[in-house]
Amino acid sequence: SVPDVEGLRPTPDRVRETLFNWLAPHLAGRRVLDLFAGSGALGFEALSRGAASATLVEQDRRALAVLRETAQRFGLDNVRIEPAEALAFLGGQPAGAYDLIFLDPPFSTGLLEPALRQIGRRGLLAPGGFCYVEQPAEAALPPLPGGWGVHRTGKAGEVGYHLLHAATSDLPGDV
């Protein structure tokens, strides 16, 4: 169930289906961050499709209660629910901590660009990892961190969505 929280806009079902079709070959064993978790639908679905772990970050207490209830109902011990403001949470994370990041802030907050910037500056997405971004369909994609590119993109109604990819490391010895 999705909590009735002002500003909460769950990812539309058909967008979620497209996203997980794109991600299907890349989910097994991934460490997932669902940064503006809301209902947790993206993080929980990633776990159900083989991700190793998920960290769900949310600051709304009603949404947090639903996240905890969902994790308990399904007996998930590989999910961490963090009651935190998203940008503050990012400040305490180590480089390369995540293989897949869901970045879907409420459209009206203006948090997409600062979150992308901080993720890139701190190197939180592991080389070869993916970052899923949602924004208003008419909005231009903010500047991407260095070494990132657009893997896939789409639109559904008012929602524009993009699967971004971090370049693999080109250090000697890497395959």
C-alpha atoms as a PDB file:
ATOM      1  CA  SER A   1       0.000   0.000   0.000  1.00  0.00           C
ATOM      2  CA  VAL A   2       1.189   3.490  -0.804  1.00  0.00           C
ATOM      3  CA  PRO A   3       0.969   5.969   2.057  1.00  0.00           C
ATOM      4  CA  ASP A   4      -1.112   9.092   1.490  1.00  0.00           C
ATOM      5  CA  VAL A   5       1.790  11.512   1.736  1.00  0.00           C
ATOM      6  CA  GLU A   6       1.672  14.942   0.164  1.00  0.00           C
ATOM      7  CA  GLY A   7       4.113  15.111  -2.747  1.00  0.00           C
ATOM      8  CA  LEU A   8       4.543  11.321  -2.950  1.00  0.00           C
ATOM      9  CA  ARG A   9       4.350  10.287  -6.581  1.00  0.00           C
ATOM     10  CA  PRO A  10       5.051   6.590  -7.021  1.00  0.00           C
ATOM     11  CA  THR A  11       6.714   5.505 -10.249  1.00  0.00           C
ATOM     12  CA  PRO A  12       3.926   4.590 -12.703  1.00  0.00           C
ATOM     13  CA  ASP A  13       3.490   0.817 -13.169  1.00  0.00           C
ATOM     14  CA  ARG A  14       4.331   0.832 -16.881  1.00  0.00           C
ATOM     15  CA  VAL A  15       7.478   2.878 -16.245  1.00  0.00           C
ATOM     16  CA  ARG A  16       8.522   0.468 -13.482  1.00  0.00           C
ATOM     17  CA  GLU A  17       7.941  -2.488 -15.811  1.00  0.00           C
ATOM     18  CA  THR A  18      10.094  -0.875 -18.521  1.00  0.00           C
ATOM     19  CA  LEU A  19      12.821  -0.020 -16.012  1.00  0.00           C
ATOM     20  CA  PHE A  20      13.058  -3.556 -14.659  1.00  0.00           C
ATOM     21  CA  ASN A  21      13.097  -4.982 -18.189  1.00  0.00           C
ATOM     22  CA  TRP A  22      16.105  -2.737 -18.856  1.00  0.00           C
ATOM     23  CA  LEU A  23      17.753  -3.785 -15.588  1.00  0.00           C
ATOM     24  CA  ALA A  24      16.971  -7.530 -15.765  1.00  0.00           C
ATOM     25  CA  PRO A  25      20.480  -8.638 -16.818  1.00  0.00           C
ATOM     26  CA  HIS A  26      22.124  -6.295 -14.292  1.00  0.00           C
ATOM     27  CA  LEU A  27      20.316  -6.911 -10.972  1.00  0.00           C
ATOM     28  CA  ALA A  28      21.833 -10.090  -9.521  1.00  0.00           C
ATOM     29  CA  GLY A  29      24.023  -9.327  -6.531  1.00  0.00           C
ATOM     30  CA  ARG A  30      23.696  -5.538  -6.834  1.00  0.00           C
ATOM     31  CA  ARG A  31      23.873  -3.156  -3.870  1.00  0.00           C
ATOM     32  CA  VAL A  32      20.911  -0.816  -4.298  1.00  0.00           C
ATOM     33  CA  LEU A  33      20.231   2.683  -2.967  1.00  0.00           C
ATOM     34  CA  ASP A  34      16.636   3.963  -3.223  1.00  0.00           C
ATOM     35  CA  LEU A  35      17.381   7.560  -2.254  1.00  0.00           C
ATOM     36  CA  PHE A  36      13.922   9.154  -2.136  1.00  0.00           C
ATOM     37  CA  ALA A  37      12.242   5.846  -1.310  1.00  0.00           C
ATOM     38  CA  GLY A  38       8.635   6.977  -0.776  1.00  0.00           C
ATOM     39  CA  SER A  39       6.665   3.726  -1.029  1.00  0.00           C
ATOM     40  CA  GLY A  40       9.884   1.739  -1.563  1.00  0.00           C
ATOM     41  CA  ALA A  41       8.459   0.118  -4.695  1.00  0.00           C
ATOM     42  CA  LEU A  42      11.718   0.392  -6.669  1.00  0.00           C
ATOM     43  CA  GLY A  43      13.993  -0.848  -3.889  1.00  0.00           C
ATOM     44  CA  PHE A  44      11.704  -3.719  -2.892  1.00  0.00           C
ATOM     45  CA  GLU A  45      11.240  -4.782  -6.513  1.00  0.00           C
ATOM     46  CA  ALA A  46      15.014  -4.784  -7.071  1.00  0.00           C
ATOM     47  CA  LEU A  47      15.367  -7.118  -4.066  1.00  0.00           C
ATOM     48  CA  SER A  48      12.639  -9.407  -5.392  1.00  0.00           C
ATOM     49  CA  ARG A  49      14.568  -9.647  -8.673  1.00  0.00           C
ATOM     50  CA  GLY A  50      17.912 -10.657  -7.201  1.00  0.00           C
ATOM     51  CA  ALA A  51      19.634  -7.564  -5.795  1.00  0.00           C
ATOM     52  CA  ALA A  52      21.849  -8.450  -2.824  1.00  0.00           C
ATOM     53  CA  SER A  53      20.800  -5.567  -0.587  1.00  0.00           C
ATOM     54  CA  ALA A  54      18.848  -2.321  -0.596  1.00  0.00           C
ATOM     55  CA  THR A  55      19.119   0.861   1.419  1.00  0.00           C
ATOM     56  CA  LEU A  56      15.888   2.880   1.407  1.00  0.00           C
ATOM     57  CA  VAL A  57      16.241   6.533   2.443  1.00  0.00           C
ATOM     58  CA  GLU A  58      13.128   8.508   3.353  1.00  0.00           C
ATOM     59  CA  GLN A  59      12.408  11.419   5.666  1.00  0.00           C
ATOM     60  CA  ASP A  60       8.589  11.324   5.878  1.00  0.00           C
ATOM     61  CA  ARG A  61       7.555   9.456   9.053  1.00  0.00           C
ATOM     62  CA  ARG A  62       4.360   8.028   7.510  1.00  0.00           C
ATOM     63  CA  ALA A  63       6.246   6.679   4.513  1.00  0.00           C
ATOM     64  CA  LEU A  64       8.923   5.286   6.868  1.00  0.00           C
ATOM     65  CA  ALA A  65       6.277   3.384   8.821  1.00  0.00           C
ATOM     66  CA  VAL A  66       5.012   1.774   5.605  1.00  0.00           C
ATOM     67  CA  LEU A  67       8.574   0.904   4.523  1.00  0.00           C
ATOM     68  CA  ARG A  68       9.259  -0.806   7.856  1.00  0.00           C
ATOM     69  CA  GLU A  69       5.925  -2.630   7.739  1.00  0.00           C
ATOM     70  CA  THR A  70       6.614  -3.885   4.197  1.00  0.00           C
ATOM     71  CA  ALA A  71      10.121  -5.087   5.085  1.00  0.00           C
ATOM     72  CA  GLN A  72       8.758  -6.902   8.144  1.00  0.00           C
ATOM     73  CA  ARG A  73       5.800  -8.413   6.271  1.00  0.00           C
ATOM     74  CA  PHE A  74       8.128  -9.984   3.703  1.00  0.00           C
ATOM     75  CA  GLY A  75      10.797 -10.946   6.252  1.00  0.00           C
ATOM     76  CA  LEU A  76      13.524  -8.998   4.469  1.00  0.00           C
ATOM     77  CA  ASP A  77      16.836  -8.954   6.298  1.00  0.00           C
ATOM     78  CA  ASN A  78      18.759  -7.476   3.373  1.00  0.00           C
ATOM     79  CA  VAL A  79      17.008  -4.088   3.488  1.00  0.00           C
ATOM     80  CA  ARG A  80      18.179  -1.103   5.520  1.00  0.00           C
ATOM     81  CA  ILE A  81      15.658   1.683   6.107  1.00  0.00           C
ATOM     82  CA  GLU A  82      17.284   5.036   6.824  1.00  0.00           C
ATOM     83  CA  PRO A  83      15.180   7.872   8.279  1.00  0.00           C
ATOM     84  CA  ALA A  84      17.182  10.733   6.792  1.00  0.00           C
ATOM     85  CA  GLU A  85      17.186  13.706   4.472  1.00  0.00           C
ATOM     86  CA  ALA A  86      18.607  12.449   1.180  1.00  0.00           C
ATOM     87  CA  LEU A  87      21.471  14.895   0.631  1.00  0.00           C
ATOM     88  CA  ALA A  88      22.616  14.607   4.262  1.00  0.00           C
ATOM     89  CA  PHE A  89      22.568  10.805   3.949  1.00  0.00           C
ATOM     90  CA  LEU A  90      24.789  10.920   0.847  1.00  0.00           C
ATOM     91  CA  GLY A  91      27.423  12.868   2.784  1.00  0.00           C
ATOM     92  CA  GLY A  92      28.156   9.879   5.009  1.00  0.00           C
ATOM     93  CA  GLN A  93      28.445   7.169   2.352  1.00  0.00           C
ATOM     94  CA  PRO A  94      31.750   5.662   1.139  1.00  0.00           C
ATOM     95  CA  ALA A  95      32.875   5.811  -2.488  1.00  0.00           C
ATOM     96  CA  GLY A  96      31.669   2.924  -4.641  1.00  0.00           C
ATOM     97  CA  ALA A  97      29.047   1.953  -2.044  1.00  0.00           C
ATOM     98  CA  TYR A  98      26.263   1.225  -4.562  1.00  0.00           C
ATOM     99  CA  ASP A  99      25.889  -0.575  -7.893  1.00  0.00           C
ATOM    100  CA  LEU A 100      22.382   0.750  -8.602  1.00  0.00           C
ATOM    101  CA  ILE A 101      20.877   4.026  -7.419  1.00  0.00           C
ATOM    102  CA  PHE A 102      17.221   4.997  -7.793  1.00  0.00           C
ATOM    103  CA  LEU A 103      16.997   8.783  -7.850  1.00  0.00           C
ATOM    104  CA  ASP A 104      13.375   9.873  -7.958  1.00  0.00           C
ATOM    105  CA  PRO A 105      12.905  13.004  -5.827  1.00  0.00           C
ATOM    106  CA  PRO A 106       9.549  14.794  -5.670  1.00  0.00           C
ATOM    107  CA  PHE A 107       9.493  16.953  -8.803  1.00  0.00           C
ATOM    108  CA  SER A 108       8.834  20.232  -6.957  1.00  0.00           C
ATOM    109  CA  THR A 109      11.875  19.990  -4.654  1.00  0.00           C
ATOM    110  CA  GLY A 110      14.689  20.755  -7.094  1.00  0.00           C
ATOM    111  CA  LEU A 111      16.776  17.999  -5.472  1.00  0.00           C
ATOM    112  CA  LEU A 112      17.609  15.973  -8.592  1.00  0.00           C
ATOM    113  CA  GLU A 113      20.566  18.065  -9.747  1.00  0.00           C
ATOM    114  CA  PRO A 114      22.201  18.485  -6.296  1.00  0.00           C
ATOM    115  CA  ALA A 115      21.758  14.760  -5.591  1.00  0.00           C
ATOM    116  CA  LEU A 116      23.339  13.781  -8.932  1.00  0.00           C
ATOM    117  CA  ARG A 117      26.172  16.234  -8.312  1.00  0.00           C
ATOM    118  CA  GLN A 118      26.872  14.833  -4.833  1.00  0.00           C
ATOM    119  CA  ILE A 119      26.675  11.197  -5.991  1.00  0.00           C
ATOM    120  CA  GLY A 120      29.180  12.006  -8.738  1.00  0.00           C
ATOM    121  CA  ARG A 121      31.501  14.131  -6.607  1.00  0.00           C
ATOM    122  CA  ARG A 122      31.660  11.475  -3.862  1.00  0.00           C
ATOM    123  CA  GLY A 123      31.937   8.575  -6.357  1.00  0.00           C
ATOM    124  CA  LEU A 124      29.057   6.704  -4.687  1.00  0.00           C
ATOM    125  CA  LEU A 125      28.087   4.748  -7.810  1.00  0.00           C
ATOM    126  CA  ALA A 126      30.514   1.899  -8.441  1.00  0.00           C
ATOM    127  CA  PRO A 127      32.199   1.751 -11.867  1.00  0.00           C
ATOM    128  CA  GLY A 128      29.839   0.035 -14.303  1.00  0.00           C
ATOM    129  CA  GLY A 129      26.853   0.829 -12.079  1.00  0.00           C
ATOM    130  CA  PHE A 130      23.489   2.277 -13.053  1.00  0.00           C
ATOM    131  CA  CYS A 131      21.514   5.261 -11.796  1.00  0.00           C
ATOM    132  CA  TYR A 132      17.808   5.548 -12.587  1.00  0.00           C
ATOM    133  CA  VAL A 133      16.437   9.103 -12.699  1.00  0.00           C
ATOM    134  CA  GLU A 134      12.850  10.373 -12.921  1.00  0.00           C
ATOM    135  CA  GLN A 135      11.883  13.961 -13.639  1.00  0.00           C
ATOM    136  CA  PRO A 136       9.133  15.967 -15.324  1.00  0.00           C
ATOM    137  CA  ALA A 137       8.869  14.846 -18.968  1.00  0.00           C
ATOM    138  CA  GLU A 138       9.498  18.362 -20.284  1.00  0.00           C
ATOM    139  CA  ALA A 139      12.639  18.926 -18.175  1.00  0.00           C
ATOM    140  CA  ALA A 140      16.143  18.694 -19.594  1.00  0.00           C
ATOM    141  CA  LEU A 141      18.384  16.115 -17.947  1.00  0.00           C
ATOM    142  CA  PRO A 142      20.759  17.883 -15.518  1.00  0.00           C
ATOM    143  CA  PRO A 143      24.512  17.721 -16.139  1.00  0.00           C
ATOM    144  CA  LEU A 144      25.812  14.203 -15.522  1.00  0.00           C
ATOM    145  CA  PRO A 145      28.830  13.335 -13.389  1.00  0.00           C
ATOM    146  CA  GLY A 146      32.060  12.794 -15.318  1.00  0.00           C
ATOM    147  CA  GLY A 147      32.261   9.393 -16.992  1.00  0.00           C
ATOM    148  CA  TRP A 148      28.483   8.877 -16.902  1.00  0.00           C
ATOM    149  CA  GLY A 149      26.271   8.477 -19.951  1.00  0.00           C
ATOM    150  CA  VAL A 150      22.641   7.839 -20.803  1.00  0.00           C
ATOM    151  CA  HIS A 151      22.026   4.104 -21.295  1.00  0.00           C
ATOM    152  CA  ARG A 152      18.252   4.268 -21.953  1.00  0.00           C
ATOM    153  CA  THR A 153      15.562   6.939 -21.808  1.00  0.00           C
ATOM    154  CA  GLY A 154      11.793   7.171 -22.104  1.00  0.00           C
ATOM    155  CA  LYS A 155       8.665   9.206 -21.386  1.00  0.00           C
ATOM    156  CA  ALA A 156       5.254   8.223 -20.064  1.00  0.00           C
ATOM    157  CA  GLY A 157       2.723  10.994 -19.646  1.00  0.00           C
ATOM    158  CA  GLU A 158       4.207  13.609 -17.316  1.00  0.00           C
ATOM    159  CA  VAL A 159       7.231  11.470 -16.399  1.00  0.00           C
ATOM    160  CA  GLY A 160      10.602  11.460 -18.130  1.00  0.00           C
ATOM    161  CA  TYR A 161      12.889   8.616 -17.064  1.00  0.00           C
ATOM    162  CA  HIS A 162      16.510   7.816 -17.760  1.00  0.00           C
ATOM    163  CA  LEU A 163      18.811   4.932 -16.956  1.00  0.00           C
ATOM    164  CA  LEU A 164      22.305   6.357 -16.580  1.00  0.00           C
ATOM    165  CA  HIS A 165      25.482   4.284 -16.632  1.00  0.00           C
ATOM    166  CA  ALA A 166      28.797   4.978 -14.912  1.00  0.00           C
ATOM    167  CA  ALA A 167      31.791   4.097 -17.049  1.00  0.00           C
ATOM    168  CA  THR A 168      33.806   1.107 -15.940  1.00  0.00           C
ATOM    169  CA  SER A 169      37.183   1.942 -14.514  1.00  0.00           C
ATOM    170  CA  ASP A 170      40.048   2.029 -16.988  1.00  0.00           C
ATOM    171  CA  LEU A 171      42.730   1.317 -14.407  1.00  0.00           C
ATOM    172  CA  PRO A 172      45.446  -1.158 -15.416  1.00  0.00           C
ATOM    173  CA  GLY A 173      44.341  -4.718 -14.780  1.00  0.00           C
ATOM    174  CA  ASP A 174      40.628  -4.028 -15.109  1.00  0.00           C
ATOM    175  CA  VAL A 175      38.812  -6.193 -17.621  1.00  0.00           C
END
